[in-house]
N, C-alpha and C. Protein backbone atom coordinates (compact mmCIF):
# COMPACT_ATOMS: atom_id res chain seq x y z
N MET A 1 -94.48 71.84 34.10
CA MET A 1 -95.11 71.82 32.75
C MET A 1 -95.15 70.34 32.12
N MET A 2 -94.11 69.79 32.21
CA MET A 2 -93.92 68.41 31.73
C MET A 2 -94.95 67.47 32.31
N GLY A 3 -95.41 67.53 33.79
CA GLY A 3 -96.03 66.75 34.40
C GLY A 3 -97.55 66.90 33.63
N PHE A 4 -97.89 68.18 33.44
CA PHE A 4 -99.19 68.54 33.11
C PHE A 4 -99.30 67.99 31.59
N LEU A 5 -98.18 67.91 30.61
CA LEU A 5 -98.22 67.45 29.25
C LEU A 5 -98.44 65.87 29.38
N LEU A 6 -97.68 65.24 30.27
CA LEU A 6 -97.94 63.74 30.49
C LEU A 6 -99.26 63.26 30.75
N LEU A 7 -99.73 64.09 31.69
CA LEU A 7 -101.13 63.73 32.15
C LEU A 7 -102.32 64.14 30.93
N PHE A 8 -101.91 65.12 30.44
CA PHE A 8 -102.80 65.36 29.04
C PHE A 8 -102.64 64.30 27.97
N LEU A 9 -101.54 63.83 27.85
CA LEU A 9 -101.38 62.65 26.61
C LEU A 9 -101.95 61.39 27.12
N PHE A 10 -101.96 61.01 28.67
CA PHE A 10 -102.49 59.96 29.18
C PHE A 10 -104.16 59.95 28.96
N ALA A 11 -104.56 61.17 29.29
CA ALA A 11 -105.93 61.28 29.22
C ALA A 11 -106.52 61.15 27.93
N PHE A 12 -105.91 61.53 26.92
CA PHE A 12 -106.56 61.46 25.77
C PHE A 12 -106.06 60.18 24.57
N GLN A 13 -105.17 59.16 25.27
CA GLN A 13 -104.70 58.14 24.71
C GLN A 13 -106.07 57.25 24.52
N THR A 14 -106.18 56.49 23.29
CA THR A 14 -107.23 55.54 23.13
C THR A 14 -106.68 54.01 23.49
N PRO A 15 -107.37 53.68 24.59
CA PRO A 15 -107.09 52.36 25.23
C PRO A 15 -107.28 51.15 23.97
N LYS A 16 -106.42 50.12 24.11
CA LYS A 16 -106.67 49.11 23.24
C LYS A 16 -107.83 48.30 23.91
N LEU A 17 -109.06 48.10 23.13
CA LEU A 17 -110.24 47.47 23.80
C LEU A 17 -110.07 45.83 23.36
N SER A 18 -110.69 44.99 24.17
CA SER A 18 -110.80 43.63 23.85
C SER A 18 -112.01 43.45 23.05
N ILE A 19 -112.14 42.15 22.29
CA ILE A 19 -113.29 41.95 21.53
C ILE A 19 -114.68 42.19 22.26
N GLU A 20 -114.71 41.66 23.31
CA GLU A 20 -115.90 41.97 24.18
C GLU A 20 -116.23 43.42 24.59
N GLN A 21 -115.45 44.24 24.91
CA GLN A 21 -115.36 45.48 25.00
C GLN A 21 -115.89 46.37 23.66
N ASN A 22 -115.38 45.99 22.65
CA ASN A 22 -115.67 46.41 21.25
C ASN A 22 -117.11 46.06 21.05
N GLN A 23 -117.63 44.81 21.19
CA GLN A 23 -118.97 44.32 21.02
C GLN A 23 -119.85 44.88 22.01
N TYR A 24 -119.56 45.42 23.24
CA TYR A 24 -120.45 46.20 24.10
C TYR A 24 -120.60 47.61 23.46
N ILE A 25 -119.65 48.23 23.01
CA ILE A 25 -119.48 49.56 22.47
C ILE A 25 -120.38 49.39 21.28
N ASN A 26 -120.21 48.45 20.26
CA ASN A 26 -121.06 48.29 18.99
C ASN A 26 -122.45 48.10 19.39
N PHE A 27 -122.52 47.37 20.52
CA PHE A 27 -124.15 47.38 20.79
C PHE A 27 -124.87 48.80 21.17
N PHE A 28 -124.07 49.58 21.70
CA PHE A 28 -124.60 51.13 22.04
C PHE A 28 -124.73 51.99 20.81
N LYS A 29 -123.77 51.49 20.07
CA LYS A 29 -123.78 52.37 18.61
C LYS A 29 -124.93 51.81 17.76
N THR A 30 -125.44 50.53 17.71
CA THR A 30 -126.26 50.05 16.98
C THR A 30 -127.82 49.78 17.45
N ALA A 31 -127.95 49.94 18.81
CA ALA A 31 -129.16 49.28 19.52
C ALA A 31 -130.09 50.59 19.28
N SER A 32 -131.41 49.86 19.24
CA SER A 32 -132.41 50.97 19.14
C SER A 32 -132.98 51.01 20.47
N PHE A 33 -133.43 52.06 21.04
CA PHE A 33 -133.75 52.28 22.39
C PHE A 33 -135.26 52.64 22.38
N SER A 34 -135.99 52.40 21.19
CA SER A 34 -137.29 52.90 21.21
C SER A 34 -138.17 51.58 21.94
N LYS A 35 -139.48 51.96 22.21
CA LYS A 35 -140.28 51.08 23.18
C LYS A 35 -140.85 49.86 22.08
N GLU A 36 -140.73 50.06 20.79
CA GLU A 36 -141.37 49.13 19.83
C GLU A 36 -140.02 48.91 18.79
N PRO A 37 -140.01 47.69 18.12
CA PRO A 37 -139.20 47.40 17.13
C PRO A 37 -139.69 48.40 15.99
N VAL A 38 -138.28 48.58 15.18
CA VAL A 38 -138.71 49.46 14.10
C VAL A 38 -138.25 49.08 12.84
N GLN A 39 -139.37 49.02 11.89
CA GLN A 39 -138.94 48.52 10.56
C GLN A 39 -138.74 49.76 9.71
N LYS A 40 -137.62 49.92 9.38
CA LYS A 40 -137.27 51.18 8.48
C LYS A 40 -137.64 51.01 7.00
N TYR A 41 -137.52 49.82 6.43
CA TYR A 41 -137.92 49.66 5.06
C TYR A 41 -138.71 48.57 4.93
N HIS A 42 -139.52 48.15 3.84
CA HIS A 42 -140.10 47.03 3.56
C HIS A 42 -140.25 46.65 2.12
N TRP A 43 -140.58 45.44 1.79
CA TRP A 43 -140.72 44.95 0.48
C TRP A 43 -142.12 45.21 -0.05
N VAL A 44 -142.21 45.21 -1.25
CA VAL A 44 -143.41 45.32 -2.10
C VAL A 44 -143.82 44.17 -2.38
N ASN A 45 -143.19 43.04 -2.99
CA ASN A 45 -143.39 41.97 -3.09
C ASN A 45 -142.79 40.75 -2.30
N PRO A 46 -143.23 39.64 -2.04
CA PRO A 46 -142.40 38.65 -1.34
C PRO A 46 -141.05 38.47 -2.07
N PRO A 47 -139.90 38.43 -1.35
CA PRO A 47 -138.66 38.31 -2.01
C PRO A 47 -138.21 36.91 -2.04
N ASN A 48 -137.52 36.59 -3.23
CA ASN A 48 -136.89 35.31 -3.42
C ASN A 48 -135.65 35.29 -2.67
N ILE A 49 -135.20 34.07 -2.35
CA ILE A 49 -133.91 34.01 -1.68
C ILE A 49 -133.15 32.94 -2.49
N ARG A 50 -131.91 33.66 -2.71
CA ARG A 50 -130.65 32.74 -3.43
C ARG A 50 -129.68 32.48 -2.54
N LEU A 51 -129.24 31.26 -2.22
CA LEU A 51 -128.24 30.91 -1.34
C LEU A 51 -127.00 30.52 -2.19
N CYS A 52 -125.99 31.16 -2.09
CA CYS A 52 -124.81 30.81 -2.83
C CYS A 52 -124.07 29.50 -2.20
N GLU A 53 -123.89 28.66 -3.14
CA GLU A 53 -123.47 27.29 -2.69
C GLU A 53 -121.96 27.44 -2.02
N ASN A 54 -121.31 28.32 -2.15
CA ASN A 54 -119.97 28.40 -1.58
C ASN A 54 -119.96 28.89 -0.18
N THR A 55 -121.07 29.31 0.41
CA THR A 55 -121.28 29.72 1.80
C THR A 55 -121.34 28.56 2.58
N GLU A 56 -121.61 27.21 1.81
CA GLU A 56 -121.58 26.02 2.79
C GLU A 56 -122.76 25.97 3.62
N VAL A 57 -123.77 26.73 3.55
CA VAL A 57 -124.84 26.72 4.31
C VAL A 57 -125.94 25.87 3.57
N SER A 58 -126.61 25.05 4.40
CA SER A 58 -127.75 24.16 3.73
C SER A 58 -129.01 24.88 3.45
N LEU A 59 -129.61 24.52 2.42
CA LEU A 59 -130.91 24.87 2.04
C LEU A 59 -131.95 24.74 3.16
N ALA A 60 -131.50 23.38 3.93
CA ALA A 60 -132.52 22.98 5.15
C ALA A 60 -132.41 24.22 6.02
N ARG A 61 -130.90 24.67 6.39
CA ARG A 61 -131.12 25.66 7.39
C ARG A 61 -131.56 27.01 7.09
N VAL A 62 -131.56 27.27 5.67
CA VAL A 62 -132.19 28.55 5.28
C VAL A 62 -133.87 28.47 5.31
N HIS A 63 -134.14 27.28 4.96
CA HIS A 63 -135.85 27.09 5.17
C HIS A 63 -136.04 27.24 6.58
N GLN A 64 -135.44 26.62 7.50
CA GLN A 64 -135.53 26.79 8.99
C GLN A 64 -135.63 28.10 9.28
N ALA A 65 -134.65 28.99 8.93
CA ALA A 65 -134.83 30.52 9.23
C ALA A 65 -136.05 31.25 8.46
N VAL A 66 -136.35 30.85 7.27
CA VAL A 66 -137.66 31.45 6.68
C VAL A 66 -138.74 31.11 7.29
N LYS A 67 -138.84 29.87 7.93
CA LYS A 67 -140.03 29.38 8.53
C LYS A 67 -140.28 30.37 9.80
N TYR A 68 -139.35 30.83 10.43
CA TYR A 68 -139.38 31.80 11.68
C TYR A 68 -140.22 33.02 11.23
N TRP A 69 -139.88 33.58 10.24
CA TRP A 69 -140.59 34.75 9.60
C TRP A 69 -142.07 34.43 9.07
N GLU A 70 -142.15 33.15 8.53
CA GLU A 70 -143.36 32.68 7.86
C GLU A 70 -144.47 32.69 9.02
N ARG A 71 -144.04 32.15 10.08
CA ARG A 71 -144.75 31.82 11.10
C ARG A 71 -145.51 33.14 11.92
N ILE A 72 -144.83 34.42 11.74
CA ILE A 72 -145.40 35.62 12.12
C ILE A 72 -145.98 36.55 10.91
N GLY A 73 -146.29 36.07 9.65
CA GLY A 73 -146.91 36.52 8.79
C GLY A 73 -146.11 37.05 7.44
N TYR A 74 -144.77 36.63 7.48
CA TYR A 74 -143.95 37.18 6.30
C TYR A 74 -144.21 36.10 5.00
N GLU A 75 -143.98 36.62 3.82
CA GLU A 75 -144.01 35.77 2.75
C GLU A 75 -142.80 35.84 1.87
N PHE A 76 -142.47 34.86 1.32
CA PHE A 76 -141.37 34.66 0.48
C PHE A 76 -141.52 33.98 -0.82
N GLY A 77 -140.76 34.42 -1.86
CA GLY A 77 -140.92 33.70 -3.15
C GLY A 77 -140.15 32.35 -3.21
N GLU A 78 -139.51 32.12 -4.16
CA GLU A 78 -138.80 30.92 -4.30
C GLU A 78 -137.52 30.98 -3.56
N ILE A 79 -136.97 29.76 -3.02
CA ILE A 79 -135.85 29.72 -2.27
C ILE A 79 -134.89 28.76 -2.98
N TYR A 80 -133.77 29.07 -3.45
CA TYR A 80 -132.99 28.11 -4.35
C TYR A 80 -131.39 28.26 -4.02
N LEU A 81 -130.88 27.29 -4.44
CA LEU A 81 -129.29 27.23 -4.31
C LEU A 81 -128.65 27.64 -5.65
N ASP A 82 -127.85 28.40 -5.79
CA ASP A 82 -127.02 28.91 -6.72
C ASP A 82 -125.66 28.28 -6.73
N ARG A 83 -125.51 27.42 -7.70
CA ARG A 83 -124.20 26.60 -7.82
C ARG A 83 -123.17 27.49 -8.53
N PHE A 84 -123.47 28.53 -9.17
CA PHE A 84 -122.48 29.32 -9.85
C PHE A 84 -121.28 29.86 -9.11
N SER A 85 -120.16 29.76 -9.58
CA SER A 85 -119.00 30.05 -8.69
C SER A 85 -118.85 31.53 -8.27
N PHE A 86 -119.33 32.43 -9.18
CA PHE A 86 -119.35 33.70 -8.71
C PHE A 86 -120.65 34.38 -8.15
N CYS A 87 -121.40 33.73 -7.85
CA CYS A 87 -122.61 34.07 -6.87
C CYS A 87 -122.16 35.09 -5.95
N MET A 88 -122.73 36.30 -6.07
CA MET A 88 -122.45 37.41 -5.26
C MET A 88 -123.56 38.44 -5.03
N ASN A 89 -123.82 39.13 -6.01
CA ASN A 89 -124.78 40.24 -5.96
C ASN A 89 -126.34 39.68 -6.09
N PRO A 90 -127.16 40.52 -5.24
CA PRO A 90 -128.43 40.13 -5.43
C PRO A 90 -129.17 40.72 -6.63
N LYS A 91 -130.10 39.91 -7.02
CA LYS A 91 -130.86 40.50 -8.33
C LYS A 91 -132.15 41.21 -7.56
N TYR A 92 -132.86 41.91 -8.50
CA TYR A 92 -134.05 42.77 -8.19
C TYR A 92 -134.96 41.72 -7.56
N ASN A 93 -135.53 42.09 -6.39
CA ASN A 93 -136.57 41.28 -5.49
C ASN A 93 -136.04 40.03 -4.94
N GLU A 94 -134.60 40.22 -4.59
CA GLU A 94 -134.12 38.99 -4.12
C GLU A 94 -133.23 39.25 -2.63
N ILE A 95 -133.15 38.17 -1.98
CA ILE A 95 -132.34 38.39 -0.82
C ILE A 95 -131.15 37.13 -1.31
N ALA A 96 -129.87 37.63 -1.44
CA ALA A 96 -128.93 36.74 -1.70
C ALA A 96 -127.99 36.51 -0.31
N ILE A 97 -127.81 35.17 -0.16
CA ILE A 97 -127.04 34.76 1.15
C ILE A 97 -125.74 34.35 0.57
N VAL A 98 -124.68 35.18 0.93
CA VAL A 98 -123.32 35.11 0.39
C VAL A 98 -122.11 35.11 1.47
N LEU A 99 -120.98 34.74 0.87
CA LEU A 99 -119.98 34.89 1.97
C LEU A 99 -119.27 36.21 1.79
N PRO A 100 -118.88 36.70 3.05
CA PRO A 100 -118.46 38.01 2.99
C PRO A 100 -117.20 38.27 2.48
N SER A 101 -116.91 39.48 1.89
CA SER A 101 -115.46 39.77 1.52
C SER A 101 -114.84 40.43 2.65
N GLN A 102 -113.63 40.41 2.56
CA GLN A 102 -112.79 40.72 3.67
C GLN A 102 -113.05 42.20 4.30
N GLY A 103 -113.23 42.28 5.63
CA GLY A 103 -113.68 43.39 6.14
C GLY A 103 -115.08 43.63 6.64
N VAL A 104 -116.05 42.92 5.86
CA VAL A 104 -117.42 43.05 5.84
C VAL A 104 -118.15 42.95 7.10
N ILE A 105 -117.73 41.76 7.89
CA ILE A 105 -118.38 41.43 9.18
C ILE A 105 -117.45 41.65 10.27
N ASP A 106 -116.01 41.60 10.07
CA ASP A 106 -115.28 41.88 11.21
C ASP A 106 -115.41 41.12 12.30
N ASP A 107 -115.86 41.48 13.44
CA ASP A 107 -115.97 40.64 14.55
C ASP A 107 -117.50 40.31 14.84
N LYS A 108 -118.37 40.41 13.94
CA LYS A 108 -119.89 40.25 13.89
C LYS A 108 -119.98 38.65 13.49
N MET A 109 -121.12 38.13 13.71
CA MET A 109 -121.33 36.88 13.13
C MET A 109 -122.13 36.96 11.87
N GLY A 110 -122.55 38.11 11.40
CA GLY A 110 -123.15 38.27 10.04
C GLY A 110 -123.56 39.68 9.75
N ALA A 111 -123.86 40.10 8.63
CA ALA A 111 -124.15 41.42 8.38
C ALA A 111 -125.00 41.54 7.08
N THR A 112 -126.10 42.41 7.11
CA THR A 112 -127.02 42.51 5.74
C THR A 112 -126.90 43.82 5.26
N ARG A 113 -126.81 44.00 3.98
CA ARG A 113 -126.89 45.13 3.27
C ARG A 113 -128.20 45.20 2.44
N VAL A 114 -129.15 46.24 2.74
CA VAL A 114 -130.34 46.55 2.15
C VAL A 114 -130.32 47.55 1.13
N TYR A 115 -130.71 47.39 -0.02
CA TYR A 115 -130.88 48.40 -1.17
C TYR A 115 -132.22 48.61 -1.38
N THR A 116 -132.35 50.07 -1.25
CA THR A 116 -133.85 50.67 -1.32
C THR A 116 -133.91 51.44 -2.76
N SER A 117 -135.24 51.68 -3.01
CA SER A 117 -135.40 52.54 -4.28
C SER A 117 -135.46 54.08 -3.79
N LYS A 118 -134.70 54.79 -4.58
CA LYS A 118 -134.59 56.32 -4.14
C LYS A 118 -135.95 56.94 -4.19
N ILE A 119 -136.80 56.38 -5.31
CA ILE A 119 -138.20 56.97 -5.42
C ILE A 119 -139.14 56.54 -4.26
N THR A 120 -139.17 55.28 -4.22
CA THR A 120 -140.27 54.89 -3.13
C THR A 120 -139.87 54.42 -1.80
N GLY A 121 -138.53 54.38 -1.62
CA GLY A 121 -137.95 53.99 -0.41
C GLY A 121 -138.07 52.51 -0.01
N GLU A 122 -138.64 51.85 -0.67
CA GLU A 122 -139.01 50.39 -0.64
C GLU A 122 -137.70 49.54 -0.77
N ILE A 123 -137.50 48.26 -0.25
CA ILE A 123 -136.56 47.29 -0.47
C ILE A 123 -136.64 46.83 -1.94
N VAL A 124 -135.58 46.77 -2.50
CA VAL A 124 -135.50 46.09 -4.06
C VAL A 124 -134.70 45.14 -3.88
N LYS A 125 -133.73 44.91 -3.12
CA LYS A 125 -132.86 43.54 -3.04
C LYS A 125 -131.98 43.77 -1.52
N ALA A 126 -131.61 42.63 -1.36
CA ALA A 126 -130.90 42.66 -0.09
C ALA A 126 -129.63 41.37 -0.14
N LYS A 127 -128.60 41.64 0.68
CA LYS A 127 -127.51 40.78 0.62
C LYS A 127 -127.14 40.54 2.02
N ILE A 128 -127.13 39.32 2.33
CA ILE A 128 -126.83 38.83 3.69
C ILE A 128 -125.47 38.09 3.71
N PHE A 129 -124.60 38.67 4.63
CA PHE A 129 -123.02 37.97 4.54
C PHE A 129 -122.92 37.19 6.01
N VAL A 130 -122.59 35.91 5.49
CA VAL A 130 -122.50 34.97 6.54
C VAL A 130 -121.31 33.99 6.28
N LEU A 131 -120.69 33.62 7.37
CA LEU A 131 -119.47 32.52 7.42
C LEU A 131 -120.24 31.35 7.67
N PRO A 132 -119.85 30.07 7.11
CA PRO A 132 -120.34 28.99 7.28
C PRO A 132 -120.45 28.51 8.78
N SER A 133 -119.53 28.80 9.74
CA SER A 133 -119.64 28.47 11.06
C SER A 133 -120.67 29.38 11.77
N THR A 134 -120.83 30.57 11.41
CA THR A 134 -121.89 31.42 12.09
C THR A 134 -123.24 31.05 11.51
N ALA A 135 -123.52 30.85 10.33
CA ALA A 135 -124.82 30.58 9.79
C ALA A 135 -125.42 29.29 10.31
N ARG A 136 -124.64 28.46 10.78
CA ARG A 136 -125.26 27.42 11.44
C ARG A 136 -125.58 27.42 13.05
N LYS A 137 -125.08 28.69 13.57
CA LYS A 137 -125.51 28.95 14.73
C LYS A 137 -127.11 29.33 14.88
N GLU A 138 -127.68 28.88 16.18
CA GLU A 138 -128.97 29.17 16.18
C GLU A 138 -129.33 30.86 16.23
N ARG A 139 -130.21 31.17 15.51
CA ARG A 139 -130.87 32.47 15.35
C ARG A 139 -129.97 33.36 14.40
N VAL A 140 -128.89 33.32 14.00
CA VAL A 140 -128.17 34.27 13.17
C VAL A 140 -128.67 34.17 12.01
N LEU A 141 -129.14 33.31 11.25
CA LEU A 141 -129.86 33.69 9.90
C LEU A 141 -131.29 34.28 10.01
N GLU A 142 -131.96 33.92 11.12
CA GLU A 142 -133.08 34.42 11.37
C GLU A 142 -132.97 35.84 11.64
N HIS A 143 -132.05 36.41 12.28
CA HIS A 143 -131.76 37.88 12.78
C HIS A 143 -131.29 38.55 11.49
N GLU A 144 -130.41 37.96 10.65
CA GLU A 144 -130.10 38.63 9.33
C GLU A 144 -131.22 38.81 8.43
N LEU A 145 -132.20 37.62 8.37
CA LEU A 145 -133.34 38.00 7.50
C LEU A 145 -134.25 38.96 7.98
N GLY A 146 -134.05 39.33 9.35
CA GLY A 146 -134.88 40.30 9.94
C GLY A 146 -134.46 41.58 9.37
N HIS A 147 -133.15 41.81 9.23
CA HIS A 147 -132.53 42.99 8.76
C HIS A 147 -132.88 43.32 7.12
N ALA A 148 -132.78 41.91 6.70
CA ALA A 148 -133.23 42.00 4.98
C ALA A 148 -134.63 42.34 4.84
N LEU A 149 -135.69 42.07 5.91
CA LEU A 149 -137.06 42.50 5.90
C LEU A 149 -137.19 43.95 6.31
N GLY A 150 -136.07 44.51 6.64
CA GLY A 150 -136.12 45.95 6.97
C GLY A 150 -135.99 46.35 8.53
N TRP A 151 -136.07 45.42 9.35
CA TRP A 151 -135.90 45.60 10.76
C TRP A 151 -134.63 46.20 11.34
N GLN A 152 -134.75 47.03 12.28
CA GLN A 152 -133.55 47.33 12.77
C GLN A 152 -133.14 46.79 14.34
N HIS A 153 -131.98 46.87 14.71
CA HIS A 153 -131.80 46.21 16.11
C HIS A 153 -132.75 46.68 17.03
N TYR A 154 -132.93 45.89 17.92
CA TYR A 154 -134.13 46.24 19.09
C TYR A 154 -133.58 45.64 20.51
N ASN A 155 -133.21 46.69 21.26
CA ASN A 155 -132.68 46.34 22.53
C ASN A 155 -133.61 45.75 23.63
N SER A 156 -133.92 44.67 23.33
CA SER A 156 -134.81 43.90 24.35
C SER A 156 -134.26 42.51 24.46
N LYS A 157 -133.91 42.16 25.89
CA LYS A 157 -133.20 40.78 26.07
C LYS A 157 -134.18 39.88 25.54
N GLY A 158 -133.71 38.69 24.76
CA GLY A 158 -134.53 37.56 24.32
C GLY A 158 -135.06 37.75 22.82
N HIS A 159 -134.85 39.00 22.32
CA HIS A 159 -135.62 39.45 21.12
C HIS A 159 -134.63 39.07 19.99
N ILE A 160 -135.28 38.53 18.73
CA ILE A 160 -134.54 38.12 17.69
C ILE A 160 -133.59 39.23 17.12
N MET A 161 -134.19 40.45 17.23
CA MET A 161 -133.34 41.60 16.57
C MET A 161 -132.32 42.11 17.55
N HIS A 162 -132.12 41.45 18.74
CA HIS A 162 -131.22 42.11 19.63
C HIS A 162 -129.66 42.15 19.00
N PRO A 163 -129.10 43.13 19.05
CA PRO A 163 -127.79 43.34 18.60
C PRO A 163 -126.62 42.40 18.79
N ASN A 164 -126.89 41.79 19.95
CA ASN A 164 -125.83 41.03 20.68
C ASN A 164 -126.20 39.54 20.74
N TRP A 165 -125.74 38.65 20.06
CA TRP A 165 -126.34 37.16 19.81
C TRP A 165 -126.61 36.68 21.34
N TRP A 166 -125.67 36.78 22.19
CA TRP A 166 -125.92 36.14 23.56
C TRP A 166 -126.88 36.67 24.39
N LEU A 167 -127.45 37.79 24.04
CA LEU A 167 -128.73 38.44 24.49
C LEU A 167 -129.79 38.33 23.72
N GLY A 168 -129.68 37.90 22.67
CA GLY A 168 -131.02 37.64 21.84
C GLY A 168 -131.83 36.26 22.19
N GLY A 169 -132.66 35.99 21.52
CA GLY A 169 -133.60 34.94 21.54
C GLY A 169 -134.63 34.74 20.64
N HIS A 170 -135.82 34.14 20.76
CA HIS A 170 -136.75 33.90 19.73
C HIS A 170 -137.97 34.73 19.88
N SER A 171 -137.84 35.76 20.71
CA SER A 171 -138.92 36.61 20.76
C SER A 171 -139.38 37.26 19.53
N SER A 172 -140.32 37.51 19.06
CA SER A 172 -140.87 38.34 17.87
C SER A 172 -141.63 39.43 18.26
N TYR A 173 -141.63 39.93 19.71
CA TYR A 173 -142.45 41.01 19.87
C TYR A 173 -142.44 42.20 18.83
N GLY A 174 -143.49 42.63 18.41
CA GLY A 174 -143.65 43.87 17.55
C GLY A 174 -143.28 43.61 16.13
N LEU A 175 -142.80 42.48 15.73
CA LEU A 175 -142.56 42.22 14.27
C LEU A 175 -143.79 41.46 13.50
N ARG A 176 -144.68 41.11 14.13
CA ARG A 176 -145.85 40.36 13.29
C ARG A 176 -146.32 41.24 12.14
N LYS A 177 -146.57 40.57 11.11
CA LYS A 177 -147.04 41.56 9.98
C LYS A 177 -148.60 41.56 10.03
């Protein structure tokens, strides 16, 4: 009987996973396996982008990320730097790029929170959380802007919306407006 109990306990113990294993598991939790990318929400008007100065991300880097989306047909309003020390919450029709609070991004390079209208389902504001070191990495801001535009993860190697940075790329297949 004791042998059965030990086997039972061993079989149901949760092993400690490495960061790579957790990222692999998160990939399957968040990846879309559809044949086409999915845009779950959209903006009615071109959103403004407010960059919080404390992120230490340059306006030039934000403009570079925005140009990726403009090349495939998306429009944006004003892009500006907010020097206010309490820069955090996005305003109506705005994408705010902010530092993450503790636990928001964990082992990710960035995260995006999209706020939608309960009546129309359209995006009314969005918040991109990035660390200075990851925002400078190629494609991270472009990917997070994709989420702020309503796009979900898309499991295609080389795609900008791939959930894993090292498997992503510059492909914009299915995203053209």
